[in-house]
Amino acid sequence: MITLEQWRALVSVVDSGGYARAAEKLNKTQSSVTYAVQKLESLLGVKAFEISGRKARLTPVGELLVRRARGLLDEVAAIERSARRLSAGWEAEIGLAAEIVFPRWLLFQALERFGAESPHTRIEVIESVLGGTQEALARREVDLAVSGMVPPGFVGDPLLRLRFLLVARADHALHRLGREPTLRDLRAERQLVVRESGTRRTTQTWIEADQRWTVSHMATSLEAVRAGYGYAWFPQEMIRAELAAGSLKALPLREGGERYAQLYLVYADRDGAGPGALRLADILRETVRAECVSRGEASG
């Protein structure tokens, strides 16, 4: 009875904030969008909107219809994506969001191996931070993600456990105290923080230093710490060479000087994933597992 175009019109009116903007978004006339919504209401025998002042607001029934319509349209989009991938064989392009703390040399190894198997598939890598990774999944901008959590509604598996150290340059003031730095000492010095790539901030720093530089990439933070401008958290794997050379040193805190973070391999749509995305996921797991086995570490 109801067409997908009618459901799409209803959702677009709500998301766009009105019929005129919905029509522009759908590349249709305003009258056709209005007719589609009115036809839907007529066929179902309900009112999706009610007039409040000069604005049209969703009725309780309308809110229910919109929620169910979103799920329907998402499912249709997933079916269409799957059909296109199956008809074309391996995907022409695969999107991968990877937290910037994921070791890049492991990422490159996996991509190189995948490229040898499927040289004609392009890989679009989004280097993301915390909430940005989750948003890339939610918006279906990527097929896979290496994320610090599995967002609700998604499927993922443990991939790699990382150890983080709080470090500063070897000659930094915090290393010259002659004692274990306290939280007060940390607050008095400059901290380097990496900004989340998402639109919503999901975490807070526990130090809350009086001086703080917030940058967009961990490479920038590392360069600043190397130059002696402050201290920061880094995955041990990222600063292995600096630690070995002695140019960076972990701050000798009595407690709280190290942290652990679990990374997960998450599918944007496990059931609708194409053969290329599934193979890339396998290669990522195998690459991490092989490296962890060689070092006698646990991968998950």
C-alpha atoms as a PDB file:
ATOM      1  CA  MET A   1       0.000   0.000   0.000  1.00  0.00           C
ATOM      2  CA  ILE A   2       2.702   2.465   1.019  1.00  0.00           C
ATOM      3  CA  THR A   3       5.652   3.120  -1.287  1.00  0.00           C
ATOM      4  CA  LEU A   4       9.240   3.636  -0.199  1.00  0.00           C
ATOM      5  CA  GLU A   5       9.100   7.120  -1.695  1.00  0.00           C
ATOM      6  CA  GLN A   6       6.270   8.027   0.657  1.00  0.00           C
ATOM      7  CA  TRP A   7       8.196   6.762   3.684  1.00  0.00           C
ATOM      8  CA  ARG A   8      11.302   8.590   2.442  1.00  0.00           C
ATOM      9  CA  ALA A   9       9.281  11.809   2.065  1.00  0.00           C
ATOM     10  CA  LEU A  10       7.992  11.550   5.638  1.00  0.00           C
ATOM     11  CA  VAL A  11      11.474  11.041   7.097  1.00  0.00           C
ATOM     12  CA  SER A  12      12.951  13.816   4.949  1.00  0.00           C
ATOM     13  CA  VAL A  13      10.337  16.328   6.114  1.00  0.00           C
ATOM     14  CA  VAL A  14      11.237  15.577   9.726  1.00  0.00           C
ATOM     15  CA  ASP A  15      15.008  15.556   9.174  1.00  0.00           C
ATOM     16  CA  SER A  16      14.983  18.690   7.025  1.00  0.00           C
ATOM     17  CA  GLY A  17      12.626  20.640   9.233  1.00  0.00           C
ATOM     18  CA  GLY A  18       9.943  21.278   6.640  1.00  0.00           C
ATOM     19  CA  TYR A  19       8.471  20.448   3.250  1.00  0.00           C
ATOM     20  CA  ALA A  20      10.475  23.000   1.263  1.00  0.00           C
ATOM     21  CA  ARG A  21      13.857  21.755   2.474  1.00  0.00           C
ATOM     22  CA  ALA A  22      12.774  18.134   2.130  1.00  0.00           C
ATOM     23  CA  ALA A  23      11.796  18.784  -1.473  1.00  0.00           C
ATOM     24  CA  GLU A  24      15.208  20.318  -2.134  1.00  0.00           C
ATOM     25  CA  LYS A  25      16.961  17.370  -0.509  1.00  0.00           C
ATOM     26  CA  LEU A  26      14.916  14.837  -2.501  1.00  0.00           C
ATOM     27  CA  ASN A  27      15.171  16.873  -5.713  1.00  0.00           C
ATOM     28  CA  LYS A  28      11.386  17.019  -5.977  1.00  0.00           C
ATOM     29  CA  THR A  29       8.746  19.742  -5.969  1.00  0.00           C
ATOM     30  CA  GLN A  30       7.290  20.784  -2.633  1.00  0.00           C
ATOM     31  CA  SER A  31       3.806  19.851  -3.795  1.00  0.00           C
ATOM     32  CA  SER A  32       4.902  16.293  -4.633  1.00  0.00           C
ATOM     33  CA  VAL A  33       6.475  15.848  -1.181  1.00  0.00           C
ATOM     34  CA  THR A  34       3.358  17.237   0.489  1.00  0.00           C
ATOM     35  CA  TYR A  35       1.155  14.904  -1.547  1.00  0.00           C
ATOM     36  CA  ALA A  36       3.325  11.889  -0.671  1.00  0.00           C
ATOM     37  CA  VAL A  37       2.983  12.532   3.061  1.00  0.00           C
ATOM     38  CA  GLN A  38      -0.739  13.230   2.794  1.00  0.00           C
ATOM     39  CA  LYS A  39      -1.226  10.054   0.755  1.00  0.00           C
ATOM     40  CA  LEU A  40       0.627   8.051   3.408  1.00  0.00           C
ATOM     41  CA  GLU A  41      -1.599   9.507   6.126  1.00  0.00           C
ATOM     42  CA  SER A  42      -4.706   8.774   4.084  1.00  0.00           C
ATOM     43  CA  LEU A  43      -3.761   5.163   3.373  1.00  0.00           C
ATOM     44  CA  LEU A  44      -2.965   4.491   7.036  1.00  0.00           C
ATOM     45  CA  GLY A  45      -5.863   6.516   8.399  1.00  0.00           C
ATOM     46  CA  VAL A  46      -3.655   8.514  10.793  1.00  0.00           C
ATOM     47  CA  LYS A  47      -2.263  12.023  11.193  1.00  0.00           C
ATOM     48  CA  ALA A  48       1.515  12.227  11.274  1.00  0.00           C
ATOM     49  CA  PHE A  49       1.604  15.979  11.945  1.00  0.00           C
ATOM     50  CA  GLU A  50      -0.399  18.461  13.963  1.00  0.00           C
ATOM     51  CA  ILE A  51      -0.301  22.263  13.716  1.00  0.00           C
ATOM     52  CA  SER A  52       1.100  24.055  16.767  1.00  0.00           C
ATOM     53  CA  GLY A  53       1.153  27.799  16.218  1.00  0.00           C
ATOM     54  CA  ARG A  54       2.847  28.251  12.867  1.00  0.00           C
ATOM     55  CA  LYS A  55       4.746  24.993  12.989  1.00  0.00           C
ATOM     56  CA  ALA A  56       3.812  21.432  12.165  1.00  0.00           C
ATOM     57  CA  ARG A  57       4.834  18.964  14.878  1.00  0.00           C
ATOM     58  CA  LEU A  58       4.849  15.188  14.871  1.00  0.00           C
ATOM     59  CA  THR A  59       1.977  13.509  16.642  1.00  0.00           C
ATOM     60  CA  PRO A  60       2.770  10.519  18.898  1.00  0.00           C
ATOM     61  CA  VAL A  61       1.677   8.285  16.017  1.00  0.00           C
ATOM     62  CA  GLY A  62       3.894  10.270  13.668  1.00  0.00           C
ATOM     63  CA  GLU A  63       6.891   9.762  15.950  1.00  0.00           C
ATOM     64  CA  LEU A  64       6.305   6.014  15.882  1.00  0.00           C
ATOM     65  CA  LEU A  65       5.948   6.006  12.109  1.00  0.00           C
ATOM     66  CA  VAL A  66       9.191   7.952  11.649  1.00  0.00           C
ATOM     67  CA  ARG A  67      11.133   5.602  13.939  1.00  0.00           C
ATOM     68  CA  ARG A  68       9.893   2.556  12.051  1.00  0.00           C
ATOM     69  CA  ALA A  69      10.418   4.242   8.675  1.00  0.00           C
ATOM     70  CA  ARG A  70      14.067   4.980   9.509  1.00  0.00           C
ATOM     71  CA  GLY A  71      14.667   1.301  10.208  1.00  0.00           C
ATOM     72  CA  LEU A  72      12.904   0.329   6.988  1.00  0.00           C
ATOM     73  CA  LEU A  73      14.919   2.769   4.864  1.00  0.00           C
ATOM     74  CA  ASP A  74      18.200   1.712   6.495  1.00  0.00           C
ATOM     75  CA  GLU A  75      17.408  -1.919   5.738  1.00  0.00           C
ATOM     76  CA  VAL A  76      16.545  -1.127   2.114  1.00  0.00           C
ATOM     77  CA  ALA A  77      19.798   0.814   1.732  1.00  0.00           C
ATOM     78  CA  ALA A  78      21.749  -2.130   3.161  1.00  0.00           C
ATOM     79  CA  ILE A  79      20.081  -4.531   0.713  1.00  0.00           C
ATOM     80  CA  GLU A  80      20.898  -2.238  -2.198  1.00  0.00           C
ATOM     81  CA  ARG A  81      24.549  -1.963  -1.115  1.00  0.00           C
ATOM     82  CA  SER A  82      24.825  -5.722  -0.824  1.00  0.00           C
ATOM     83  CA  ALA A  83      23.246  -6.249  -4.236  1.00  0.00           C
ATOM     84  CA  ARG A  84      25.642  -3.803  -5.904  1.00  0.00           C
ATOM     85  CA  ARG A  85      28.631  -5.492  -4.299  1.00  0.00           C
ATOM     86  CA  LEU A  86      27.510  -8.982  -5.243  1.00  0.00           C
ATOM     87  CA  SER A  87      26.857  -7.969  -8.835  1.00  0.00           C
ATOM     88  CA  ALA A  88      30.280  -6.370  -9.161  1.00  0.00           C
ATOM     89  CA  GLY A  89      32.299  -9.067  -7.379  1.00  0.00           C
ATOM     90  CA  TRP A  90      34.821  -7.566  -5.003  1.00  0.00           C
ATOM     91  CA  GLU A  91      34.139  -3.956  -4.114  1.00  0.00           C
ATOM     92  CA  ALA A  92      35.709  -1.169  -6.138  1.00  0.00           C
ATOM     93  CA  GLU A  93      36.378   0.724  -2.880  1.00  0.00           C
ATOM     94  CA  ILE A  94      36.422  -0.142   0.813  1.00  0.00           C
ATOM     95  CA  GLY A  95      36.245   2.406   3.618  1.00  0.00           C
ATOM     96  CA  LEU A  96      38.231   1.788   6.805  1.00  0.00           C
ATOM     97  CA  ALA A  97      38.204   4.016   9.892  1.00  0.00           C
ATOM     98  CA  ALA A  98      41.216   3.371  12.118  1.00  0.00           C
ATOM     99  CA  GLU A  99      41.874   4.936  15.498  1.00  0.00           C
ATOM    100  CA  ILE A 100      45.134   6.879  15.324  1.00  0.00           C
ATOM    101  CA  VAL A 101      46.515   4.792  18.186  1.00  0.00           C
ATOM    102  CA  PHE A 102      46.376   1.626  16.049  1.00  0.00           C
ATOM    103  CA  PRO A 103      50.007   0.911  15.029  1.00  0.00           C
ATOM    104  CA  ARG A 104      50.411   2.242  11.512  1.00  0.00           C
ATOM    105  CA  TRP A 105      52.996  -0.314  10.503  1.00  0.00           C
ATOM    106  CA  LEU A 106      50.476  -3.076  11.271  1.00  0.00           C
ATOM    107  CA  LEU A 107      47.875  -1.222   9.219  1.00  0.00           C
ATOM    108  CA  PHE A 108      50.286  -0.859   6.292  1.00  0.00           C
ATOM    109  CA  GLN A 109      51.217  -4.545   6.422  1.00  0.00           C
ATOM    110  CA  ALA A 110      47.555  -5.531   6.248  1.00  0.00           C
ATOM    111  CA  LEU A 111      46.795  -3.110   3.409  1.00  0.00           C
ATOM    112  CA  GLU A 112      49.826  -4.281   1.448  1.00  0.00           C
ATOM    113  CA  ARG A 113      48.769  -7.899   1.794  1.00  0.00           C
ATOM    114  CA  PHE A 114      45.191  -7.068   0.787  1.00  0.00           C
ATOM    115  CA  GLY A 115      46.485  -5.086  -2.202  1.00  0.00           C
ATOM    116  CA  ALA A 116      48.397  -8.114  -3.437  1.00  0.00           C
ATOM    117  CA  GLU A 117      45.164 -10.132  -3.448  1.00  0.00           C
ATOM    118  CA  SER A 118      42.899  -7.399  -4.832  1.00  0.00           C
ATOM    119  CA  PRO A 119      45.018  -4.777  -6.613  1.00  0.00           C
ATOM    120  CA  HIS A 120      42.008  -3.085  -8.209  1.00  0.00           C
ATOM    121  CA  THR A 121      40.181  -2.362  -4.946  1.00  0.00           C
ATOM    122  CA  ARG A 122      40.828   1.111  -3.566  1.00  0.00           C
ATOM    123  CA  ILE A 123      41.096   1.608   0.198  1.00  0.00           C
ATOM    124  CA  GLU A 124      39.846   4.832   1.769  1.00  0.00           C
ATOM    125  CA  VAL A 125      41.397   5.155   5.242  1.00  0.00           C
ATOM    126  CA  ILE A 126      39.937   7.607   7.744  1.00  0.00           C
ATOM    127  CA  GLU A 127      42.309   8.306  10.624  1.00  0.00           C
ATOM    128  CA  SER A 128      39.877   8.908  13.440  1.00  0.00           C
ATOM    129  CA  VAL A 129      39.805   9.613  17.155  1.00  0.00           C
ATOM    130  CA  LEU A 130      37.256   8.148  19.583  1.00  0.00           C
ATOM    131  CA  GLY A 131      33.834   9.603  18.731  1.00  0.00           C
ATOM    132  CA  GLY A 132      34.895  10.199  15.133  1.00  0.00           C
ATOM    133  CA  THR A 133      35.308   6.460  14.606  1.00  0.00           C
ATOM    134  CA  GLN A 134      31.837   5.771  15.940  1.00  0.00           C
ATOM    135  CA  GLU A 135      30.302   8.508  13.792  1.00  0.00           C
ATOM    136  CA  ALA A 136      31.964   7.141  10.659  1.00  0.00           C
ATOM    137  CA  LEU A 137      30.306   3.801  11.393  1.00  0.00           C
ATOM    138  CA  ALA A 138      26.918   5.321  12.181  1.00  0.00           C
ATOM    139  CA  ARG A 139      26.941   7.365   8.974  1.00  0.00           C
ATOM    140  CA  ARG A 140      28.013   4.323   6.933  1.00  0.00           C
ATOM    141  CA  GLU A 141      31.054   6.263   5.699  1.00  0.00           C
ATOM    142  CA  VAL A 142      33.165   3.138   6.147  1.00  0.00           C
ATOM    143  CA  ASP A 143      32.769  -0.613   5.867  1.00  0.00           C
ATOM    144  CA  LEU A 144      35.102  -1.482   8.753  1.00  0.00           C
ATOM    145  CA  ALA A 145      36.554   0.293  11.756  1.00  0.00           C
ATOM    146  CA  VAL A 146      39.308  -0.297  14.264  1.00  0.00           C
ATOM    147  CA  SER A 147      37.590   1.288  17.236  1.00  0.00           C
ATOM    148  CA  GLY A 148      38.070   1.705  20.945  1.00  0.00           C
ATOM    149  CA  MET A 149      34.550   0.394  21.508  1.00  0.00           C
ATOM    150  CA  VAL A 150      31.755  -1.456  19.745  1.00  0.00           C
ATOM    151  CA  PRO A 151      28.916   1.087  19.404  1.00  0.00           C
ATOM    152  CA  PRO A 152      25.371  -0.096  20.190  1.00  0.00           C
ATOM    153  CA  GLY A 153      23.800  -1.764  17.186  1.00  0.00           C
ATOM    154  CA  PHE A 154      27.103  -2.880  15.645  1.00  0.00           C
ATOM    155  CA  VAL A 155      29.045  -6.128  15.613  1.00  0.00           C
ATOM    156  CA  GLY A 156      32.741  -6.331  16.472  1.00  0.00           C
ATOM    157  CA  ASP A 157      35.473  -8.502  17.972  1.00  0.00           C
ATOM    158  CA  PRO A 158      38.522  -7.737  20.144  1.00  0.00           C
ATOM    159  CA  LEU A 159      41.523  -7.022  17.940  1.00  0.00           C
ATOM    160  CA  LEU A 160      44.413  -5.607  19.972  1.00  0.00           C
ATOM    161  CA  ARG A 161      45.176  -4.482  23.513  1.00  0.00           C
ATOM    162  CA  LEU A 162      47.446  -1.440  23.784  1.00  0.00           C
ATOM    163  CA  ARG A 163      49.535  -0.185  26.682  1.00  0.00           C
ATOM    164  CA  PHE A 164      49.692   3.616  27.089  1.00  0.00           C
ATOM    165  CA  LEU A 165      52.418   5.493  28.948  1.00  0.00           C
ATOM    166  CA  LEU A 166      52.460   9.055  30.244  1.00  0.00           C
ATOM    167  CA  VAL A 167      55.762  10.433  28.953  1.00  0.00           C
ATOM    168  CA  ALA A 168      57.827  13.587  28.600  1.00  0.00           C
ATOM    169  CA  ARG A 169      61.224  14.421  27.123  1.00  0.00           C
ATOM    170  CA  ALA A 170      64.098  13.103  29.226  1.00  0.00           C
ATOM    171  CA  ASP A 171      65.150  16.598  30.329  1.00  0.00           C
ATOM    172  CA  HIS A 172      61.623  17.847  31.080  1.00  0.00           C
ATOM    173  CA  ALA A 173      61.034  19.595  34.423  1.00  0.00           C
ATOM    174  CA  LEU A 174      58.875  16.701  35.624  1.00  0.00           C
ATOM    175  CA  HIS A 175      61.879  14.366  35.274  1.00  0.00           C
ATOM    176  CA  ARG A 176      64.119  16.768  37.209  1.00  0.00           C
ATOM    177  CA  LEU A 177      62.028  16.836  40.394  1.00  0.00           C
ATOM    178  CA  GLY A 178      64.108  14.146  42.074  1.00  0.00           C
ATOM    179  CA  ARG A 179      60.915  12.427  43.235  1.00  0.00           C
ATOM    180  CA  GLU A 180      57.728  10.917  41.903  1.00  0.00           C
ATOM    181  CA  PRO A 181      55.578  13.605  40.249  1.00  0.00           C
ATOM    182  CA  THR A 182      52.261  14.273  41.938  1.00  0.00           C
ATOM    183  CA  LEU A 183      48.951  15.207  40.342  1.00  0.00           C
ATOM    184  CA  ARG A 184      49.640  18.798  41.419  1.00  0.00           C
ATOM    185  CA  ASP A 185      52.975  18.685  39.566  1.00  0.00           C
ATOM    186  CA  LEU A 186      51.233  17.432  36.430  1.00  0.00           C
ATOM    187  CA  ARG A 187      48.586  20.133  36.607  1.00  0.00           C
ATOM    188  CA  ALA A 188      51.277  22.799  36.763  1.00  0.00           C
ATOM    189  CA  GLU A 189      52.901  21.668  33.487  1.00  0.00           C
ATOM    190  CA  ARG A 190      51.626  21.698  29.907  1.00  0.00           C
ATOM    191  CA  GLN A 191      49.702  18.664  28.690  1.00  0.00           C
ATOM    192  CA  LEU A 192      49.312  17.688  25.018  1.00  0.00           C
ATOM    193  CA  VAL A 193      45.866  16.323  24.146  1.00  0.00           C
ATOM    194  CA  VAL A 194      44.543  14.969  20.844  1.00  0.00           C
ATOM    195  CA  ARG A 195      41.132  16.301  19.836  1.00  0.00           C
ATOM    196  CA  GLU A 196      38.378  13.837  18.998  1.00  0.00           C
ATOM    197  CA  SER A 197      37.552  13.729  15.309  1.00  0.00           C
ATOM    198  CA  GLY A 198      33.812  13.400  15.930  1.00  0.00           C
ATOM    199  CA  THR A 199      31.361  16.238  16.480  1.00  0.00           C
ATOM    200  CA  ARG A 200      30.622  15.152  20.041  1.00  0.00           C
ATOM    201  CA  ARG A 201      33.173  14.913  22.816  1.00  0.00           C
ATOM    202  CA  THR A 202      32.848  11.562  24.595  1.00  0.00           C
ATOM    203  CA  THR A 203      35.819  11.594  26.990  1.00  0.00           C
ATOM    204  CA  GLN A 204      37.499  13.867  29.481  1.00  0.00           C
ATOM    205  CA  THR A 205      41.131  13.995  30.543  1.00  0.00           C
ATOM    206  CA  TRP A 206      41.735  13.045  34.176  1.00  0.00           C
ATOM    207  CA  ILE A 207      44.630  15.463  34.713  1.00  0.00           C
ATOM    208  CA  GLU A 208      42.939  18.743  33.713  1.00  0.00           C
ATOM    209  CA  ALA A 209      46.257  20.590  33.476  1.00  0.00           C
ATOM    210  CA  ASP A 210      46.177  24.377  33.755  1.00  0.00           C
ATOM    211  CA  GLN A 211      48.129  24.567  30.494  1.00  0.00           C
ATOM    212  CA  ARG A 212      46.943  22.415  27.635  1.00  0.00           C
ATOM    213  CA  TRP A 213      47.566  22.280  23.909  1.00  0.00           C
ATOM    214  CA  THR A 214      44.876  20.406  21.990  1.00  0.00           C
ATOM    215  CA  VAL A 215      45.925  19.201  18.541  1.00  0.00           C
ATOM    216  CA  SER A 216      44.225  17.238  15.783  1.00  0.00           C
ATOM    217  CA  HIS A 217      46.662  14.383  15.355  1.00  0.00           C
ATOM    218  CA  MET A 218      48.851  12.266  17.600  1.00  0.00           C
ATOM    219  CA  ALA A 219      51.850  12.858  15.326  1.00  0.00           C
ATOM    220  CA  THR A 220      51.617  16.570  16.193  1.00  0.00           C
ATOM    221  CA  SER A 221      51.397  15.776  19.887  1.00  0.00           C
ATOM    222  CA  LEU A 222      54.444  13.502  19.634  1.00  0.00           C
ATOM    223  CA  GLU A 223      56.463  16.164  17.833  1.00  0.00           C
ATOM    224  CA  ALA A 224      55.636  18.694  20.555  1.00  0.00           C
ATOM    225  CA  VAL A 225      56.591  16.286  23.347  1.00  0.00           C
ATOM    226  CA  ARG A 226      59.842  15.400  21.578  1.00  0.00           C
ATOM    227  CA  ALA A 227      60.633  19.126  21.489  1.00  0.00           C
ATOM    228  CA  GLY A 228      60.026  19.423  25.231  1.00  0.00           C
ATOM    229  CA  TYR A 229      56.816  21.450  25.131  1.00  0.00           C
ATOM    230  CA  GLY A 230      54.873  19.191  27.463  1.00  0.00           C
ATOM    231  CA  TYR A 231      53.830  15.664  28.377  1.00  0.00           C
ATOM    232  CA  ALA A 232      51.217  13.330  26.894  1.00  0.00           C
ATOM    233  CA  TRP A 233      49.813   9.817  26.721  1.00  0.00           C
ATOM    234  CA  PHE A 234      51.095   7.608  23.898  1.00  0.00           C
ATOM    235  CA  PRO A 235      50.760   3.934  22.997  1.00  0.00           C
ATOM    236  CA  GLN A 236      54.002   2.233  23.958  1.00  0.00           C
ATOM    237  CA  GLU A 237      54.250   0.821  20.449  1.00  0.00           C
ATOM    238  CA  MET A 238      54.237   4.307  18.920  1.00  0.00           C
ATOM    239  CA  ILE A 239      57.198   5.564  20.980  1.00  0.00           C
ATOM    240  CA  ARG A 240      59.221   2.352  21.200  1.00  0.00           C
ATOM    241  CA  ALA A 241      62.217   3.908  19.395  1.00  0.00           C
ATOM    242  CA  GLU A 242      62.202   7.047  21.566  1.00  0.00           C
ATOM    243  CA  LEU A 243      62.004   4.989  24.753  1.00  0.00           C
ATOM    244  CA  ALA A 244      64.862   2.779  23.611  1.00  0.00           C
ATOM    245  CA  ALA A 245      66.998   5.806  22.718  1.00  0.00           C
ATOM    246  CA  GLY A 246      66.166   7.517  26.010  1.00  0.00           C
ATOM    247  CA  SER A 247      64.906  10.713  24.374  1.00  0.00           C
ATOM    248  CA  LEU A 248      61.455  10.161  25.937  1.00  0.00           C
ATOM    249  CA  LYS A 249      60.901   8.689  29.370  1.00  0.00           C
ATOM    250  CA  ALA A 250      57.792   7.501  31.167  1.00  0.00           C
ATOM    251  CA  LEU A 251      56.914   9.747  34.086  1.00  0.00           C
ATOM    252  CA  PRO A 252      57.683   7.823  37.304  1.00  0.00           C
ATOM    253  CA  LEU A 253      54.271   8.212  38.919  1.00  0.00           C
ATOM    254  CA  ARG A 254      53.532   6.174  42.016  1.00  0.00           C
ATOM    255  CA  GLU A 255      50.337   5.018  40.349  1.00  0.00           C
ATOM    256  CA  GLY A 256      48.368   5.870  37.238  1.00  0.00           C
ATOM    257  CA  GLY A 257      51.379   6.194  34.944  1.00  0.00           C
ATOM    258  CA  GLU A 258      50.122   3.568  32.525  1.00  0.00           C
ATOM    259  CA  ARG A 259      46.816   2.646  30.992  1.00  0.00           C
ATOM    260  CA  TYR A 260      45.461  -0.076  28.761  1.00  0.00           C
ATOM    261  CA  ALA A 261      42.999   0.269  25.900  1.00  0.00           C
ATOM    262  CA  GLN A 262      41.199  -2.419  23.946  1.00  0.00           C
ATOM    263  CA  LEU A 263      40.744  -1.984  20.207  1.00  0.00           C
ATOM    264  CA  TYR A 264      37.963  -3.781  18.349  1.00  0.00           C
ATOM    265  CA  LEU A 265      37.391  -4.639  14.712  1.00  0.00           C
ATOM    266  CA  VAL A 266      33.856  -3.447  13.962  1.00  0.00           C
ATOM    267  CA  TYR A 267      31.679  -3.988  10.888  1.00  0.00           C
ATOM    268  CA  ALA A 268      29.387  -1.244   9.675  1.00  0.00           C
ATOM    269  CA  ASP A 269      27.048  -3.964   8.358  1.00  0.00           C
ATOM    270  CA  ARG A 270      28.262  -7.523   8.976  1.00  0.00           C
ATOM    271  CA  ASP A 271      25.455  -9.211   7.047  1.00  0.00           C
ATOM    272  CA  GLY A 272      25.753  -6.848   4.097  1.00  0.00           C
ATOM    273  CA  ALA A 273      29.563  -6.701   3.976  1.00  0.00           C
ATOM    274  CA  GLY A 274      31.092  -7.453   0.582  1.00  0.00           C
ATOM    275  CA  PRO A 275      33.752 -10.126  -0.002  1.00  0.00           C
ATOM    276  CA  GLY A 276      36.511  -7.527  -0.076  1.00  0.00           C
ATOM    277  CA  ALA A 277      35.564  -6.032   3.298  1.00  0.00           C
ATOM    278  CA  LEU A 278      35.313  -9.513   4.809  1.00  0.00           C
ATOM    279  CA  ARG A 279      38.734 -10.450   3.457  1.00  0.00           C
ATOM    280  CA  LEU A 280      40.310  -7.219   4.692  1.00  0.00           C
ATOM    281  CA  ALA A 281      38.872  -7.908   8.148  1.00  0.00           C
ATOM    282  CA  ASP A 282      40.428 -11.385   8.105  1.00  0.00           C
ATOM    283  CA  ILE A 283      43.795  -9.965   7.040  1.00  0.00           C
ATOM    284  CA  LEU A 284      43.722  -7.338   9.803  1.00  0.00           C
ATOM    285  CA  ARG A 285      43.063 -10.050  12.380  1.00  0.00           C
ATOM    286  CA  GLU A 286      45.739 -12.341  10.962  1.00  0.00           C
ATOM    287  CA  THR A 287      48.327  -9.541  10.801  1.00  0.00           C
ATOM    288  CA  VAL A 288      47.750  -8.526  14.413  1.00  0.00           C
ATOM    289  CA  ARG A 289      47.689 -12.134  15.607  1.00  0.00           C
ATOM    290  CA  ALA A 290      50.942 -12.984  13.842  1.00  0.00           C
ATOM    291  CA  GLU A 291      52.748  -9.997  15.351  1.00  0.00           C
ATOM    292  CA  CYS A 292      51.447 -10.696  18.830  1.00  0.00           C
ATOM    293  CA  VAL A 293      52.449 -14.359  18.591  1.00  0.00           C
ATOM    294  CA  SER A 294      55.968 -13.359  17.515  1.00  0.00           C
ATOM    295  CA  ARG A 295      56.229 -11.153  20.629  1.00  0.00           C
ATOM    296  CA  GLY A 296      54.525 -13.547  22.963  1.00  0.00           C
ATOM    297  CA  GLU A 297      51.634 -11.131  23.557  1.00  0.00           C
ATOM    298  CA  ALA A 298      47.870 -11.523  23.508  1.00  0.00           C
ATOM    299  CA  SER A 299      46.089 -10.015  20.509  1.00  0.00           C
ATOM    300  CA  GLY A 300      42.633  -9.607  22.027  1.00  0.00           C
END
